[in-house]
C-alpha atoms as a PDB file:
ATOM      1  CA  UNK A   1       9.496   8.266 -10.994  1.00  0.00           C
ATOM      2  CA  UNK A   2       7.183   5.688  -9.650  1.00  0.00           C
ATOM      3  CA  UNK A   3       8.276   2.133  -8.588  1.00  0.00           C
ATOM      4  CA  UNK A   4       5.835  -0.355  -7.989  1.00  0.00           C
ATOM      5  CA  UNK A   5       7.204  -3.296  -5.593  1.00  0.00           C
ATOM      6  CA  UNK A   6       4.791  -6.558  -5.115  1.00  0.00           C
ATOM      7  CA  UNK A   7       5.988  -9.585  -2.788  1.00  0.00           C
ATOM      8  CA  UNK A   8       4.080 -12.491  -1.994  1.00  0.00           C
ATOM      9  CA  UNK A   9       5.202 -16.193  -0.585  1.00  0.00           C
ATOM     10  CA  UNK A  10       3.939 -17.783  -3.442  1.00  0.00           C
ATOM     11  CA  UNK A  11       3.731 -17.141  -6.813  1.00  0.00           C
ATOM     12  CA  UNK A  12       2.472 -13.596  -8.162  1.00  0.00           C
ATOM     13  CA  UNK A  13      -0.595 -12.470  -9.443  1.00  0.00           C
ATOM     14  CA  UNK A  14       1.382 -10.979 -12.050  1.00  0.00           C
ATOM     15  CA  UNK A  15      -0.935 -10.804 -15.036  1.00  0.00           C
ATOM     16  CA  UNK A  16      -3.480  -7.793 -13.227  1.00  0.00           C
ATOM     17  CA  UNK A  17      -0.632  -5.711 -12.131  1.00  0.00           C
ATOM     18  CA  UNK A  18       1.087  -5.637 -14.696  1.00  0.00           C
ATOM     19  CA  UNK A  19      -0.824  -5.420 -17.124  1.00  0.00           C
ATOM     20  CA  UNK A  20      -2.185  -2.695 -16.014  1.00  0.00           C
ATOM     21  CA  UNK A  21       0.844  -0.657 -15.451  1.00  0.00           C
ATOM     22  CA  UNK A  22       3.827  -2.152 -17.034  1.00  0.00           C
ATOM     23  CA  UNK A  23       3.343   0.390 -20.223  1.00  0.00           C
ATOM     24  CA  UNK A  24       3.733   3.220 -17.537  1.00  0.00           C
ATOM     25  CA  UNK A  25       5.372   2.610 -14.790  1.00  0.00           C
ATOM     26  CA  UNK A  26       8.448   0.357 -13.438  1.00  0.00           C
ATOM     27  CA  UNK A  27       7.273  -2.613 -11.536  1.00  0.00           C
ATOM     28  CA  UNK A  28       9.052  -4.510  -9.140  1.00  0.00           C
ATOM     29  CA  UNK A  29       8.134  -8.571  -8.309  1.00  0.00           C
ATOM     30  CA  UNK A  30       9.052 -10.654  -5.819  1.00  0.00           C
ATOM     31  CA  UNK A  31       7.856 -13.963  -4.980  1.00  0.00           C
ATOM     32  CA  UNK A  32       8.305 -17.467  -3.450  1.00  0.00           C
ATOM     33  CA  UNK A  33       9.896 -15.156  -0.095  1.00  0.00           C
ATOM     34  CA  UNK A  34      10.813 -17.075   2.674  1.00  0.00           C
ATOM     35  CA  UNK A  35      11.591 -14.281   4.039  1.00  0.00           C
ATOM     36  CA  UNK A  36       8.750 -11.500   5.761  1.00  0.00           C
ATOM     37  CA  UNK A  37       7.366  -9.405   3.229  1.00  0.00           C
ATOM     38  CA  UNK A  38       9.205  -6.823   5.630  1.00  0.00           C
ATOM     39  CA  UNK A  39      12.094  -7.588   4.433  1.00  0.00           C
ATOM     40  CA  UNK A  40      11.552  -7.892   1.336  1.00  0.00           C
ATOM     41  CA  UNK A  41       9.917  -4.396   1.192  1.00  0.00           C
ATOM     42  CA  UNK A  42      13.196  -3.191   2.919  1.00  0.00           C
ATOM     43  CA  UNK A  43      15.554  -4.527   0.579  1.00  0.00           C
ATOM     44  CA  UNK A  44      13.184  -2.748  -2.322  1.00  0.00           C
ATOM     45  CA  UNK A  45      13.866   0.133  -0.555  1.00  0.00           C
ATOM     46  CA  UNK A  46      17.035   0.486  -0.797  1.00  0.00           C
ATOM     47  CA  UNK A  47      17.540  -0.772  -4.340  1.00  0.00           C
ATOM     48  CA  UNK A  48      14.544   2.059  -5.318  1.00  0.00           C
ATOM     49  CA  UNK A  49      14.874   4.716  -3.480  1.00  0.00           C
ATOM     50  CA  UNK A  50      17.530   6.714  -4.682  1.00  0.00           C
ATOM     51  CA  UNK A  51      16.137   6.618  -8.371  1.00  0.00           C
ATOM     52  CA  UNK A  52      12.471   7.228  -7.943  1.00  0.00           C
ATOM     53  CA  UNK A  53      10.044  10.128  -6.028  1.00  0.00           C
ATOM     54  CA  UNK A  54       7.532   7.647  -4.755  1.00  0.00           C
ATOM     55  CA  UNK A  55       7.974   4.261  -3.836  1.00  0.00           C
ATOM     56  CA  UNK A  56       4.549   1.872  -4.138  1.00  0.00           C
ATOM     57  CA  UNK A  57       3.212  -1.595  -2.492  1.00  0.00           C
ATOM     58  CA  UNK A  58       0.493  -3.295  -3.870  1.00  0.00           C
ATOM     59  CA  UNK A  59      -0.900  -6.252  -3.808  1.00  0.00           C
ATOM     60  CA  UNK A  60      -0.258  -8.425  -6.976  1.00  0.00           C
ATOM     61  CA  UNK A  61      -3.700  -8.796  -7.730  1.00  0.00           C
ATOM     62  CA  UNK A  62      -4.426  -5.102  -8.222  1.00  0.00           C
ATOM     63  CA  UNK A  63      -5.899  -3.362 -11.297  1.00  0.00           C
ATOM     64  CA  UNK A  64      -4.571   0.218 -11.060  1.00  0.00           C
ATOM     65  CA  UNK A  65      -7.270   1.285 -13.832  1.00  0.00           C
ATOM     66  CA  UNK A  66      -5.648   4.929 -14.716  1.00  0.00           C
ATOM     67  CA  UNK A  67      -1.960   4.341 -14.543  1.00  0.00           C
ATOM     68  CA  UNK A  68      -0.971   7.266 -16.848  1.00  0.00           C
ATOM     69  CA  UNK A  69      -2.619   9.369 -14.129  1.00  0.00           C
ATOM     70  CA  UNK A  70      -1.110   7.601 -11.129  1.00  0.00           C
ATOM     71  CA  UNK A  71       1.935   9.670 -10.640  1.00  0.00           C
ATOM     72  CA  UNK A  72      -0.202  13.364 -11.271  1.00  0.00           C
ATOM     73  CA  UNK A  73      -2.503  11.956  -8.601  1.00  0.00           C
ATOM     74  CA  UNK A  74       0.354  11.053  -6.136  1.00  0.00           C
ATOM     75  CA  UNK A  75       2.164  14.343  -6.504  1.00  0.00           C
ATOM     76  CA  UNK A  76      -1.089  16.197  -6.147  1.00  0.00           C
ATOM     77  CA  UNK A  77      -1.977  14.542  -2.866  1.00  0.00           C
ATOM     78  CA  UNK A  78       1.567  14.673  -1.945  1.00  0.00           C
ATOM     79  CA  UNK A  79       1.491  18.329  -1.333  1.00  0.00           C
ATOM     80  CA  UNK A  80      -0.403  17.461   1.992  1.00  0.00           C
ATOM     81  CA  UNK A  81       0.822  13.656   2.291  1.00  0.00           C
ATOM     82  CA  UNK A  82       3.926  11.901   1.975  1.00  0.00           C
ATOM     83  CA  UNK A  83       2.410   8.695   2.443  1.00  0.00           C
ATOM     84  CA  UNK A  84      -0.977   7.594   0.673  1.00  0.00           C
ATOM     85  CA  UNK A  85      -3.202   4.915   0.526  1.00  0.00           C
ATOM     86  CA  UNK A  86      -6.628   3.915  -0.886  1.00  0.00           C
ATOM     87  CA  UNK A  87      -8.255   2.886   2.520  1.00  0.00           C
ATOM     88  CA  UNK A  88      -7.324   3.161   6.297  1.00  0.00           C
ATOM     89  CA  UNK A  89      -8.979   4.750   9.052  1.00  0.00           C
ATOM     90  CA  UNK A  90      -8.787   7.898  11.425  1.00  0.00           C
ATOM     91  CA  UNK A  91      -9.045   6.304  14.559  1.00  0.00           C
ATOM     92  CA  UNK A  92      -8.927   2.997  16.156  1.00  0.00           C
ATOM     93  CA  UNK A  93      -8.642   0.441  19.769  1.00  0.00           C
ATOM     94  CA  UNK A  94      -6.275  -2.106  19.265  1.00  0.00           C
ATOM     95  CA  UNK A  95      -7.799  -5.648  19.602  1.00  0.00           C
ATOM     96  CA  UNK A  96      -8.503  -8.797  18.149  1.00  0.00           C
ATOM     97  CA  UNK A  97      -8.566  -9.609  15.005  1.00  0.00           C
ATOM     98  CA  UNK A  98      -6.424  -6.566  14.222  1.00  0.00           C
ATOM     99  CA  UNK A  99      -7.781  -5.487  11.425  1.00  0.00           C
ATOM    100  CA  UNK A 100      -8.288  -1.634  10.529  1.00  0.00           C
ATOM    101  CA  UNK A 101     -11.692  -1.566   9.593  1.00  0.00           C
ATOM    102  CA  UNK A 102     -12.721  -3.843  12.526  1.00  0.00           C
ATOM    103  CA  UNK A 103     -10.831  -1.791  14.908  1.00  0.00           C
ATOM    104  CA  UNK A 104     -12.488   1.235  14.465  1.00  0.00           C
ATOM    105  CA  UNK A 105     -16.060   2.801  14.052  1.00  0.00           C
ATOM    106  CA  UNK A 106     -17.051   3.333  10.654  1.00  0.00           C
ATOM    107  CA  UNK A 107     -17.494   6.859  11.010  1.00  0.00           C
ATOM    108  CA  UNK A 108     -13.825   6.930  11.223  1.00  0.00           C
ATOM    109  CA  UNK A 109     -13.095   5.079   7.770  1.00  0.00           C
ATOM    110  CA  UNK A 110     -11.868   6.644   4.689  1.00  0.00           C
ATOM    111  CA  UNK A 111     -10.912   6.047   1.430  1.00  0.00           C
ATOM    112  CA  UNK A 112     -12.633   3.195  -1.485  1.00  0.00           C
ATOM    113  CA  UNK A 113     -11.252   0.185  -3.144  1.00  0.00           C
ATOM    114  CA  UNK A 114     -13.004  -1.226  -6.023  1.00  0.00           C
ATOM    115  CA  UNK A 115     -13.453  -4.974  -6.238  1.00  0.00           C
ATOM    116  CA  UNK A 116     -13.310  -7.236  -9.421  1.00  0.00           C
ATOM    117  CA  UNK A 117     -16.189 -10.438  -9.281  1.00  0.00           C
ATOM    118  CA  UNK A 118     -14.715 -13.560 -10.945  1.00  0.00           C
ATOM    119  CA  UNK A 119     -17.629 -12.912 -13.394  1.00  0.00           C
ATOM    120  CA  UNK A 120     -16.234  -9.486 -13.867  1.00  0.00           C
ATOM    121  CA  UNK A 121     -18.634  -7.742 -12.509  1.00  0.00           C
ATOM    122  CA  UNK A 122     -16.910  -4.621 -10.395  1.00  0.00           C
ATOM    123  CA  UNK A 123     -18.364  -3.335  -7.015  1.00  0.00           C
ATOM    124  CA  UNK A 124     -16.900  -0.564  -5.060  1.00  0.00           C
ATOM    125  CA  UNK A 125     -16.822  -0.449  -1.040  1.00  0.00           C
ATOM    126  CA  UNK A 126     -16.697   3.207   0.011  1.00  0.00           C
ATOM    127  CA  UNK A 127     -15.202   4.064   3.553  1.00  0.00           C
ATOM    128  CA  UNK A 128     -15.466   7.438   3.604  1.00  0.00           C
ATOM    129  CA  UNK A 129     -14.230  11.133   2.683  1.00  0.00           C
ATOM    130  CA  UNK A 130     -10.787  11.152   0.955  1.00  0.00           C
ATOM    131  CA  UNK A 131      -8.455  12.203   0.851  1.00  0.00           C
ATOM    132  CA  UNK A 132      -8.251  12.723   4.335  1.00  0.00           C
ATOM    133  CA  UNK A 133      -5.455  12.051   6.851  1.00  0.00           C
ATOM    134  CA  UNK A 134      -5.764   8.757   8.621  1.00  0.00           C
ATOM    135  CA  UNK A 135      -4.250   6.773  11.162  1.00  0.00           C
ATOM    136  CA  UNK A 136      -3.827   3.271   9.770  1.00  0.00           C
ATOM    137  CA  UNK A 137      -3.691   2.602   6.008  1.00  0.00           C
ATOM    138  CA  UNK A 138      -4.505  -0.784   4.188  1.00  0.00           C
ATOM    139  CA  UNK A 139      -1.485  -2.779   2.615  1.00  0.00           C
ATOM    140  CA  UNK A 140      -3.587  -3.566  -0.951  1.00  0.00           C
ATOM    141  CA  UNK A 141      -2.015   0.090  -1.689  1.00  0.00           C
ATOM    142  CA  UNK A 142       0.706   2.335   0.503  1.00  0.00           C
ATOM    143  CA  UNK A 143       2.315   5.022  -1.883  1.00  0.00           C
ATOM    144  CA  UNK A 144       5.178   6.708   0.089  1.00  0.00           C
ATOM    145  CA  UNK A 145       7.615   8.993  -0.733  1.00  0.00           C
ATOM    146  CA  UNK A 146      10.936   8.406  -0.940  1.00  0.00           C
ATOM    147  CA  UNK A 147      12.136  11.086   1.913  1.00  0.00           C
ATOM    148  CA  UNK A 148       9.615   8.645   4.062  1.00  0.00           C
ATOM    149  CA  UNK A 149      12.567   6.296   4.529  1.00  0.00           C
ATOM    150  CA  UNK A 150      14.708   8.295   5.757  1.00  0.00           C
ATOM    151  CA  UNK A 151      13.211   8.139   8.977  1.00  0.00           C
ATOM    152  CA  UNK A 152      10.902   4.939   8.702  1.00  0.00           C
ATOM    153  CA  UNK A 153      11.045   1.332   7.513  1.00  0.00           C
ATOM    154  CA  UNK A 154       9.042  -1.874   7.905  1.00  0.00           C
ATOM    155  CA  UNK A 155       9.361  -3.251  10.849  1.00  0.00           C
ATOM    156  CA  UNK A 156      11.165  -6.730  10.132  1.00  0.00           C
ATOM    157  CA  UNK A 157      10.446  -7.878  13.578  1.00  0.00           C
ATOM    158  CA  UNK A 158       7.048  -8.346  13.133  1.00  0.00           C
ATOM    159  CA  UNK A 159       6.094 -12.136  13.986  1.00  0.00           C
ATOM    160  CA  UNK A 160       3.178 -12.152  11.801  1.00  0.00           C
ATOM    161  CA  UNK A 161       5.195 -12.381   8.641  1.00  0.00           C
ATOM    162  CA  UNK A 162       3.125 -11.081   5.491  1.00  0.00           C
ATOM    163  CA  UNK A 163       0.270  -9.741   7.868  1.00  0.00           C
ATOM    164  CA  UNK A 164       0.044  -6.933   9.902  1.00  0.00           C
ATOM    165  CA  UNK A 165       3.029  -5.221   8.606  1.00  0.00           C
ATOM    166  CA  UNK A 166       0.603  -2.237   7.162  1.00  0.00           C
ATOM    167  CA  UNK A 167       0.117  -1.423  10.616  1.00  0.00           C
ATOM    168  CA  UNK A 168       3.211  -1.221  11.963  1.00  0.00           C
ATOM    169  CA  UNK A 169       4.048   0.687   9.022  1.00  0.00           C
ATOM    170  CA  UNK A 170       1.460   3.294   9.158  1.00  0.00           C
ATOM    171  CA  UNK A 171       1.459   3.959  12.647  1.00  0.00           C
ATOM    172  CA  UNK A 172       5.700   4.296  12.400  1.00  0.00           C
ATOM    173  CA  UNK A 173       4.843   7.060   9.798  1.00  0.00           C
ATOM    174  CA  UNK A 174       2.215   8.517  11.758  1.00  0.00           C
ATOM    175  CA  UNK A 175       4.758   8.390  14.713  1.00  0.00           C
ATOM    176  CA  UNK A 176       7.473  10.193  12.429  1.00  0.00           C
END
């Protein structure tokens, strides 16, 4: 079982994510949050960990084009990885701005993200080989086996609130 979790400080753009997955997977939306996203995500972990194999933290403006294949893909990737994302980097040097794709050489980037223009045209940003082990995962889509949360949680002391949580989480997972 897969539980998708999406949170924001404002009103969620539930149309895209909900329409793409609701007939296949359970989706929990958390909007108008005054707490950091890390606290919301940790509460969701407590609520959903026992009844799911995977927890997927995803931005609300994401379209999952093949939701019926998501569980199969995660389980296949899960043979080698406990945490999965769609984009990240194998190596980095900490510097500002603290964005994974700006802290690393392009040769270390992995994965891909499809984008949708306002006019409906799609284009793909390819970051490199996939699947491959990375140190940092982009927060647009982070899937983790529920057993990961026996050792790792999102860092609620992150002063950036709704930013940089993905880097903290990635490093904690890498360390674990």
